[in-house]
Amino acid sequence: MPLVITQNTMAVEANGTTLATATHTPDGWHVSTWPHPLTLNEAITALTIAERVATHGETDPFVIAWREELAHG
């Protein structure tokens, strides 16, 4: 599952399907699966979460832990 990164956009894809995207704006990175702007590292984490959900589901312990960490970061 590739993570495609350019200067102002990022996307995680699987089997030709885009799972989540991120776009950089002056107030941060806006990830399609996250409710508020994030830092670059947080956006990469959010994209990783989207990939993990696709492969392991919403109840995966890593998904749960990473979401908690990102929400409190």
N, C-alpha and C. Protein backbone atom coordinates (compact mmCIF):
# COMPACT_ATOMS: atom_id res chain seq x y z
N MET A 1 0.85 -1.18 0.00
CA MET A 1 0.00 0.00 0.00
C MET A 1 0.89 1.24 0.00
N PRO A 2 0.94 1.90 -1.12
CA PRO A 2 1.84 3.06 -1.18
C PRO A 2 1.28 4.30 -0.49
N LEU A 3 2.20 5.05 0.07
CA LEU A 3 1.91 6.38 0.59
C LEU A 3 2.55 7.34 -0.39
N VAL A 4 1.73 8.13 -1.08
CA VAL A 4 2.21 9.05 -2.10
C VAL A 4 2.31 10.44 -1.49
N ILE A 5 3.52 11.02 -1.50
CA ILE A 5 3.74 12.32 -0.87
C ILE A 5 4.32 13.30 -1.88
N THR A 6 3.69 14.47 -2.00
CA THR A 6 4.24 15.58 -2.76
C THR A 6 4.40 16.75 -1.79
N GLN A 7 4.77 17.91 -2.31
CA GLN A 7 4.99 19.05 -1.42
C GLN A 7 3.72 19.49 -0.69
N ASN A 8 2.56 19.40 -1.35
CA ASN A 8 1.32 19.91 -0.75
C ASN A 8 0.21 18.88 -0.61
N THR A 9 0.47 17.64 -0.99
CA THR A 9 -0.56 16.60 -0.87
C THR A 9 0.07 15.27 -0.46
N MET A 10 -0.76 14.44 0.13
CA MET A 10 -0.39 13.07 0.46
C MET A 10 -1.62 12.20 0.26
N ALA A 11 -1.39 10.94 -0.05
CA ALA A 11 -2.49 10.00 -0.19
C ALA A 11 -2.00 8.61 0.12
N VAL A 12 -2.87 7.79 0.69
CA VAL A 12 -2.56 6.38 0.90
C VAL A 12 -3.53 5.59 0.02
N GLU A 13 -2.97 4.62 -0.70
CA GLU A 13 -3.75 3.86 -1.67
C GLU A 13 -3.58 2.36 -1.43
N ALA A 14 -4.60 1.61 -1.81
CA ALA A 14 -4.55 0.14 -1.75
C ALA A 14 -5.32 -0.41 -2.93
N ASN A 15 -4.69 -1.29 -3.67
CA ASN A 15 -5.34 -1.94 -4.81
C ASN A 15 -5.99 -0.94 -5.76
N GLY A 16 -5.31 0.18 -5.99
CA GLY A 16 -5.83 1.19 -6.92
C GLY A 16 -6.91 2.08 -6.35
N THR A 17 -7.23 1.92 -5.07
CA THR A 17 -8.25 2.74 -4.42
C THR A 17 -7.60 3.68 -3.41
N THR A 18 -7.98 4.94 -3.45
CA THR A 18 -7.47 5.90 -2.48
C THR A 18 -8.24 5.74 -1.17
N LEU A 19 -7.51 5.47 -0.10
CA LEU A 19 -8.13 5.28 1.22
C LEU A 19 -8.32 6.60 1.96
N ALA A 20 -7.35 7.51 1.82
CA ALA A 20 -7.41 8.81 2.49
C ALA A 20 -6.45 9.76 1.79
N THR A 21 -6.76 11.05 1.87
CA THR A 21 -5.91 12.08 1.28
C THR A 21 -5.63 13.17 2.31
N ALA A 22 -4.55 13.91 2.07
CA ALA A 22 -4.21 15.04 2.93
C ALA A 22 -3.76 16.19 2.03
N THR A 23 -4.18 17.39 2.38
CA THR A 23 -3.80 18.59 1.63
C THR A 23 -3.25 19.62 2.59
N HIS A 24 -2.14 20.23 2.20
CA HIS A 24 -1.52 21.25 3.05
C HIS A 24 -2.11 22.62 2.75
N THR A 25 -2.49 23.33 3.80
CA THR A 25 -2.99 24.70 3.71
C THR A 25 -2.23 25.53 4.74
N PRO A 26 -2.41 26.86 4.74
CA PRO A 26 -1.70 27.67 5.73
C PRO A 26 -1.97 27.28 7.19
N ASP A 27 -3.13 26.68 7.48
CA ASP A 27 -3.42 26.32 8.87
C ASP A 27 -3.09 24.86 9.20
N GLY A 28 -2.43 24.14 8.30
CA GLY A 28 -2.01 22.77 8.58
C GLY A 28 -2.43 21.80 7.49
N TRP A 29 -2.31 20.53 7.82
CA TRP A 29 -2.69 19.45 6.91
C TRP A 29 -4.12 19.02 7.19
N HIS A 30 -4.93 18.99 6.15
CA HIS A 30 -6.32 18.54 6.26
C HIS A 30 -6.41 17.13 5.68
N VAL A 31 -6.70 16.17 6.55
CA VAL A 31 -6.79 14.76 6.16
C VAL A 31 -8.27 14.40 6.02
N SER A 32 -8.59 13.70 4.94
CA SER A 32 -9.99 13.38 4.65
C SER A 32 -10.66 12.52 5.72
N THR A 33 -9.88 11.85 6.54
CA THR A 33 -10.44 10.98 7.58
C THR A 33 -10.29 11.55 8.98
N TRP A 34 -9.91 12.82 9.10
CA TRP A 34 -9.69 13.41 10.41
C TRP A 34 -10.40 14.76 10.48
N PRO A 35 -11.02 15.12 11.64
CA PRO A 35 -11.90 16.28 11.70
C PRO A 35 -11.24 17.67 11.77
N HIS A 36 -9.94 17.76 12.06
CA HIS A 36 -9.32 19.09 12.20
C HIS A 36 -7.91 19.08 11.62
N PRO A 37 -7.35 20.26 11.35
CA PRO A 37 -6.00 20.32 10.76
C PRO A 37 -4.95 19.67 11.67
N LEU A 38 -3.93 19.13 11.02
CA LEU A 38 -2.87 18.41 11.72
C LEU A 38 -1.50 18.91 11.29
N THR A 39 -0.48 18.58 12.07
CA THR A 39 0.89 18.83 11.65
C THR A 39 1.26 17.78 10.59
N LEU A 40 2.41 17.93 9.97
CA LEU A 40 2.84 16.96 8.98
C LEU A 40 2.93 15.56 9.57
N ASN A 41 3.58 15.42 10.71
CA ASN A 41 3.71 14.09 11.33
C ASN A 41 2.37 13.51 11.74
N GLU A 42 1.49 14.35 12.26
CA GLU A 42 0.15 13.88 12.63
C GLU A 42 -0.63 13.44 11.39
N ALA A 43 -0.47 14.16 10.29
CA ALA A 43 -1.17 13.79 9.05
C ALA A 43 -0.68 12.44 8.55
N ILE A 44 0.61 12.19 8.63
CA ILE A 44 1.14 10.88 8.23
C ILE A 44 0.57 9.79 9.13
N THR A 45 0.45 10.08 10.41
CA THR A 45 -0.17 9.11 11.34
C THR A 45 -1.62 8.85 10.96
N ALA A 46 -2.36 9.90 10.64
CA ALA A 46 -3.77 9.75 10.25
C ALA A 46 -3.89 8.90 8.99
N LEU A 47 -2.99 9.09 8.04
CA LEU A 47 -3.02 8.27 6.82
C LEU A 47 -2.65 6.82 7.14
N THR A 48 -1.73 6.63 8.05
CA THR A 48 -1.36 5.28 8.48
C THR A 48 -2.54 4.59 9.14
N ILE A 49 -3.30 5.34 9.94
CA ILE A 49 -4.50 4.79 10.58
C ILE A 49 -5.49 4.34 9.51
N ALA A 50 -5.70 5.15 8.49
CA ALA A 50 -6.64 4.79 7.42
C ALA A 50 -6.21 3.49 6.74
N GLU A 51 -4.92 3.36 6.51
CA GLU A 51 -4.41 2.13 5.90
C GLU A 51 -4.62 0.93 6.82
N ARG A 52 -4.34 1.11 8.09
CA ARG A 52 -4.48 0.01 9.06
C ARG A 52 -5.95 -0.41 9.20
N VAL A 53 -6.86 0.55 9.20
CA VAL A 53 -8.29 0.23 9.27
C VAL A 53 -8.69 -0.64 8.07
N ALA A 54 -8.16 -0.31 6.89
CA ALA A 54 -8.50 -1.07 5.69
C ALA A 54 -8.01 -2.50 5.76
N THR A 55 -6.90 -2.73 6.45
CA THR A 55 -6.33 -4.07 6.50
C THR A 55 -6.69 -4.86 7.76
N HIS A 56 -6.99 -4.14 8.87
CA HIS A 56 -7.21 -4.83 10.14
C HIS A 56 -8.52 -4.48 10.84
N GLY A 57 -9.23 -3.47 10.36
CA GLY A 57 -10.53 -3.12 10.93
C GLY A 57 -10.46 -2.07 12.03
N GLU A 58 -11.61 -1.56 12.37
CA GLU A 58 -11.76 -0.48 13.36
C GLU A 58 -11.38 -0.90 14.78
N THR A 59 -11.49 -2.18 15.09
CA THR A 59 -11.23 -2.63 16.45
C THR A 59 -9.79 -3.10 16.68
N ASP A 60 -8.94 -2.92 15.70
CA ASP A 60 -7.54 -3.28 15.84
C ASP A 60 -6.92 -2.46 16.98
N PRO A 61 -6.17 -3.09 17.88
CA PRO A 61 -5.58 -2.37 19.02
C PRO A 61 -4.68 -1.20 18.60
N PHE A 62 -3.94 -1.36 17.50
CA PHE A 62 -3.09 -0.26 17.04
C PHE A 62 -3.93 0.92 16.56
N VAL A 63 -5.01 0.64 15.84
CA VAL A 63 -5.91 1.70 15.38
C VAL A 63 -6.44 2.47 16.57
N ILE A 64 -6.90 1.77 17.57
CA ILE A 64 -7.47 2.41 18.76
C ILE A 64 -6.42 3.27 19.45
N ALA A 65 -5.23 2.73 19.66
CA ALA A 65 -4.17 3.46 20.36
C ALA A 65 -3.70 4.68 19.56
N TRP A 66 -3.52 4.51 18.25
CA TRP A 66 -3.05 5.64 17.43
C TRP A 66 -4.10 6.75 17.37
N ARG A 67 -5.37 6.39 17.31
CA ARG A 67 -6.42 7.41 17.32
C ARG A 67 -6.42 8.20 18.63
N GLU A 68 -6.27 7.49 19.74
CA GLU A 68 -6.21 8.16 21.04
C GLU A 68 -5.03 9.10 21.11
N GLU A 69 -3.88 8.64 20.67
CA GLU A 69 -2.67 9.46 20.69
C GLU A 69 -2.84 10.70 19.80
N LEU A 70 -3.40 10.51 18.62
CA LEU A 70 -3.59 11.63 17.70
C LEU A 70 -4.62 12.62 18.23
N ALA A 71 -5.65 12.13 18.89
CA ALA A 71 -6.68 13.00 19.44
C ALA A 71 -6.16 13.84 20.59
N HIS A 72 -5.17 13.32 21.32
CA HIS A 72 -4.64 14.04 22.47
C HIS A 72 -3.31 14.72 22.19
N GLY A 73 -2.84 14.63 20.95
CA GLY A 73 -1.55 15.18 20.58
C GLY A 73 -1.58 16.65 20.43
